[in-house]
Protein backbone atom coordinates (compact mmCIF):
# COMPACT_ATOMS: atom_id res chain seq x y z
CA MET A 1 44.46 -10.06 67.49
CA ALA A 2 46.16 -12.36 64.07
CA ALA A 3 50.38 -12.47 63.46
CA THR A 4 51.15 -11.53 59.92
CA SER A 5 54.95 -11.61 59.12
CA ASN A 6 56.35 -8.49 61.99
CA ARG A 7 52.87 -7.39 61.92
CA LYS A 8 49.84 -7.87 63.62
CA LEU A 9 46.04 -8.31 62.35
CA ALA A 10 43.12 -6.31 64.33
CA THR A 11 39.68 -6.07 63.62
CA ILE A 12 37.65 -2.65 64.05
CA SER A 13 34.96 -0.96 62.91
CA CYS A 14 33.61 1.24 59.94
CA PRO A 15 33.32 4.60 61.01
CA HIS A 16 30.83 5.40 58.13
CA CYS A 17 28.50 1.88 58.75
CA GLU A 18 29.81 -0.02 61.25
CA GLN A 19 30.81 -3.00 59.52
CA GLU A 20 34.03 -4.95 61.00
CA THR A 21 37.36 -4.84 58.77
CA MET A 22 40.76 -6.37 59.44
CA VAL A 23 43.92 -3.83 59.84
CA SER A 24 47.40 -4.69 59.58
CA VAL A 25 49.46 -2.85 62.48
CA PRO A 26 52.64 -2.58 63.80
CA ASP A 27 52.32 -3.78 67.27
CA GLU A 28 49.28 -5.89 69.54
CA ASP A 29 49.34 -3.74 71.91
CA VAL A 30 49.40 -0.39 70.07
CA GLU A 31 46.02 1.70 70.79
CA LEU A 32 44.03 2.66 67.34
CA GLU A 33 41.87 5.25 66.88
CA VAL A 34 39.31 5.64 63.64
CA ARG A 35 38.72 8.56 61.86
CA ARG A 36 36.79 9.43 59.45
CA TYR A 37 39.39 11.85 57.82
CA VAL A 38 43.45 11.99 57.63
CA ALA A 39 45.40 14.33 60.06
CA LEU A 40 48.61 16.00 59.34
CA TYR A 41 50.21 13.68 61.63
CA GLY A 42 50.98 11.34 63.58
CA ASP A 43 51.45 6.81 62.24
CA TYR A 44 48.82 5.69 60.82
CA THR A 45 47.26 3.51 57.73
CA THR A 46 44.46 3.68 55.55
CA ALA A 47 41.57 1.63 55.28
CA VAL A 48 38.77 0.73 53.17
CA CYS A 49 35.81 -1.49 54.78
CA PRO A 50 33.95 -4.07 52.20
CA ALA A 51 31.63 -1.07 51.25
CA ASP A 52 34.18 0.95 50.37
CA HIS A 53 34.39 3.06 52.82
CA LYS A 54 37.77 4.84 53.13
CA PHE A 55 39.39 5.79 56.48
CA TRP A 56 42.19 6.09 58.50
CA VAL A 57 43.42 4.27 62.16
CA TYR A 58 45.89 6.24 63.68
CA PHE A 59 48.18 3.92 65.96
CA CYS A 60 48.81 5.60 69.86
């Protein structure tokens, strides 16, 4: 993970096509859960891979 101001960057794989994508995370110790669909609750960020697939990354 690399630092950007107070947030970190993590590399994840798209759940649709497996292409790697960088996402901003609140802490390097957080566990990430990638989902194809948004859930009703939880802290998350929305990501888009190079193939334009939209998905959600939750912080556990």
